[in-house]
Amino acid sequence: MSPAVFFRTVFFLLILFVVIYIGTENTQTIDVHFSLLLDKPVRTSAALVYFAVFAVGVIAGTLFNAGAGKGEGRGKAEAEGGRAKKKK
């Protein structure tokens, strides 16, 4: 395992700890307004809102980084910045 993957994992776990800590400390019910989607406010616990925002961020980050591989699925020449040769 590379050090970069290890530090990303540790950083992810630290953020997850903060989200869980905030969720356990904020158990009151709040009104969440989504005026573009819903007419009435949604009444839910603050912990659920914090977790939902965190989950959306994780999913968005995963989708943005999904295609960031180094040359996967391409020819060697294309991955190195050159042009792939055409077959006759």
Protein backbone atom coordinates (compact mmCIF):
# COMPACT_ATOMS: atom_id res chain seq x y z
CA MET A 1 0.00 0.00 0.00
CA SER A 2 1.38 3.38 -0.95
CA PRO A 3 1.72 6.12 1.68
CA ALA A 4 -0.67 8.36 -0.27
CA VAL A 5 -3.48 5.80 -0.05
CA PHE A 6 -2.79 5.33 3.66
CA PHE A 7 -2.96 9.07 4.40
CA ARG A 8 -6.12 9.47 2.31
CA THR A 9 -7.74 6.67 4.30
CA VAL A 10 -6.70 8.21 7.63
CA PHE A 11 -7.98 11.62 6.51
CA PHE A 12 -11.28 10.06 5.40
CA LEU A 13 -11.67 8.36 8.79
CA LEU A 14 -10.97 11.64 10.60
CA ILE A 15 -13.68 13.38 8.59
CA LEU A 16 -16.04 10.48 9.28
CA PHE A 17 -15.30 10.79 13.01
CA VAL A 18 -16.16 14.52 12.93
CA VAL A 19 -19.44 13.79 11.14
CA ILE A 20 -20.36 11.08 13.67
CA TYR A 21 -19.37 13.33 16.59
CA ILE A 22 -21.49 16.20 15.26
CA GLY A 23 -24.37 13.79 14.73
CA THR A 24 -24.25 12.47 18.28
CA GLU A 25 -24.09 15.96 19.77
CA ASN A 26 -26.91 17.44 17.63
CA THR A 27 -29.88 15.18 18.25
CA GLN A 28 -32.53 17.90 18.08
CA THR A 29 -35.05 18.04 15.25
CA ILE A 30 -34.58 20.74 12.63
CA ASP A 31 -36.48 21.99 9.60
CA VAL A 32 -34.66 21.58 6.31
CA HIS A 33 -35.90 23.70 3.41
CA PHE A 34 -35.56 22.53 -0.20
CA SER A 35 -37.57 25.26 -1.89
CA LEU A 36 -36.68 24.09 -5.40
CA LEU A 37 -37.92 20.53 -4.82
CA LEU A 38 -40.46 20.63 -1.98
CA ASP A 39 -43.14 23.10 -0.93
CA LYS A 40 -43.04 22.22 2.77
CA PRO A 41 -39.93 21.98 4.96
CA VAL A 42 -38.71 18.52 5.95
CA ARG A 43 -38.54 17.98 9.73
CA THR A 44 -35.70 15.58 10.58
CA SER A 45 -32.83 15.15 13.01
CA ALA A 46 -29.72 17.25 12.56
CA ALA A 47 -27.56 14.12 12.62
CA LEU A 48 -29.30 12.75 9.54
CA VAL A 49 -28.76 16.02 7.67
CA TYR A 50 -25.04 16.07 8.52
CA PHE A 51 -24.65 12.45 7.42
CA ALA A 52 -26.60 13.06 4.19
CA VAL A 53 -24.40 16.03 3.27
CA PHE A 54 -21.31 13.94 4.02
CA ALA A 55 -22.62 11.02 1.93
CA VAL A 56 -23.41 13.26 -1.03
CA GLY A 57 -19.89 14.70 -0.85
CA VAL A 58 -18.29 11.24 -0.74
CA ILE A 59 -20.34 10.02 -3.68
CA ALA A 60 -19.62 13.16 -5.70
CA GLY A 61 -15.90 12.90 -4.98
CA THR A 62 -15.91 9.24 -5.96
CA LEU A 63 -17.66 9.99 -9.25
CA PHE A 64 -15.31 12.87 -10.06
CA ASN A 65 -12.25 10.73 -9.41
CA ALA A 66 -13.55 7.54 -11.05
CA GLY A 67 -12.08 8.35 -14.46
CA ALA A 68 -8.80 9.74 -13.19
CA GLY A 69 -6.76 6.58 -13.83
CA LYS A 70 -3.36 6.90 -15.49
CA GLY A 71 -3.89 5.57 -18.98
CA GLU A 72 -6.18 2.70 -18.09
CA GLY A 73 -8.06 1.40 -21.08
CA ARG A 74 -5.86 3.22 -23.60
CA GLY A 75 -2.92 2.11 -25.65
CA LYS A 76 0.60 2.60 -24.32
CA ALA A 77 1.43 5.29 -26.85
CA GLU A 78 -1.68 7.31 -25.95
CA ALA A 79 -1.00 6.99 -22.22
CA GLU A 80 2.51 8.38 -22.73
CA GLY A 81 1.21 11.36 -24.68
CA GLY A 82 1.88 10.08 -28.17
CA ARG A 83 -0.53 9.10 -30.90
CA ALA A 84 -1.71 5.57 -31.37
CA LYS A 85 -0.84 4.05 -34.73
CA LYS A 86 -3.74 3.28 -37.00
CA LYS A 87 -4.11 -0.27 -38.26
CA LYS A 88 -4.36 -0.75 -42.03
